[in-house]
Amino acid sequence: MADLTAKKVNKLLEEFRQTGKEPEKLVIGYKTYARLMTEDKFAEKVVPSLEDSKERLYKNLKIKLVTEKHYFEVK
């Protein structure tokens, strides 16, 4: 997922919802996350969680960072 953009993330979320499921979290590789955070469209929507200040949310979905460089999954 080296070419992932905020627009593609939103599209993947919509496709996931069309399967009849509601996404719970985003699993993102650390380099993919760093690149996404350089995009204003993505970075503006990332906010700290009210429950845990170390957690981040994107459109009310928890973000879990993994050690794989280029990784993205909607769960």
Protein backbone atom coordinates (compact mmCIF):
# COMPACT_ATOMS: atom_id res chain seq x y z
CA MET A 1 0.00 0.00 0.00
CA ALA A 2 2.80 2.37 -0.84
CA ASP A 3 0.50 4.55 -2.99
CA LEU A 4 -2.33 4.91 -0.47
CA THR A 5 -3.97 8.34 -0.25
CA ALA A 6 -6.71 9.80 1.94
CA LYS A 7 -9.12 9.49 -0.97
CA LYS A 8 -8.33 5.78 -1.33
CA VAL A 9 -8.73 5.25 2.42
CA ASN A 10 -12.21 6.77 2.26
CA LYS A 11 -13.05 4.62 -0.76
CA LEU A 12 -11.87 1.45 1.03
CA LEU A 13 -13.98 2.38 4.07
CA GLU A 14 -17.04 2.84 1.86
CA GLU A 15 -16.43 -0.50 0.13
CA PHE A 16 -16.12 -2.18 3.53
CA ARG A 17 -19.46 -0.68 4.61
CA GLN A 18 -21.10 -1.95 1.42
CA THR A 19 -20.34 -5.51 2.53
CA GLY A 20 -22.85 -4.97 5.33
CA LYS A 21 -20.27 -4.58 8.10
CA GLU A 22 -19.31 -1.50 10.06
CA PRO A 23 -15.54 -0.88 10.34
CA GLU A 24 -14.09 -0.90 13.85
CA LYS A 25 -10.46 0.05 13.29
CA LEU A 26 -7.77 0.79 10.75
CA VAL A 27 -4.56 -1.23 10.87
CA ILE A 28 -1.81 0.84 9.26
CA GLY A 29 1.91 0.27 8.72
CA TYR A 30 4.11 2.94 10.24
CA LYS A 31 5.48 4.27 6.93
CA THR A 32 2.03 4.31 5.35
CA TYR A 33 0.74 6.25 8.37
CA ALA A 34 3.60 8.75 8.16
CA ARG A 35 2.90 9.37 4.47
CA LEU A 36 -0.84 9.72 5.08
CA MET A 37 -0.20 12.26 7.83
CA THR A 38 1.54 14.50 5.30
CA GLU A 39 -1.82 14.87 3.51
CA ASP A 40 -3.99 17.59 4.98
CA LYS A 41 -7.21 15.73 4.11
CA PHE A 42 -6.14 12.78 6.27
CA ALA A 43 -4.29 14.65 9.04
CA GLU A 44 -7.23 17.00 9.69
CA LYS A 45 -9.49 14.05 10.48
CA VAL A 46 -7.04 12.32 12.87
CA VAL A 47 -7.82 13.24 16.47
CA PRO A 48 -6.71 11.91 19.86
CA SER A 49 -9.05 9.50 21.60
CA LEU A 50 -10.93 10.85 24.61
CA GLU A 51 -10.44 7.53 26.43
CA ASP A 52 -6.69 7.18 25.89
CA SER A 53 -4.50 10.10 24.87
CA LYS A 54 -2.05 7.73 23.14
CA GLU A 55 -4.72 6.41 20.76
CA ARG A 56 -5.65 8.20 17.55
CA LEU A 57 -8.94 8.09 15.68
CA TYR A 58 -9.75 8.67 12.02
CA LYS A 59 -13.44 9.42 11.50
CA ASN A 60 -14.18 7.73 14.87
CA LEU A 61 -12.22 4.58 13.92
CA LYS A 62 -9.28 3.52 16.05
CA ILE A 63 -5.92 3.55 14.33
CA LYS A 64 -3.59 0.69 15.16
CA LEU A 65 -0.01 1.05 13.96
CA VAL A 66 1.92 -2.09 13.04
CA THR A 67 5.62 -2.66 12.43
CA GLU A 68 5.18 -3.58 8.77
CA LYS A 69 6.28 -0.65 6.63
CA HIS A 70 3.55 -0.53 4.00
CA TYR A 71 0.36 -2.07 5.32
CA PHE A 72 -3.30 -1.11 5.43
CA GLU A 73 -6.37 -3.07 6.52
CA VAL A 74 -9.88 -2.20 7.58
CA LYS A 75 -11.21 -4.39 10.38
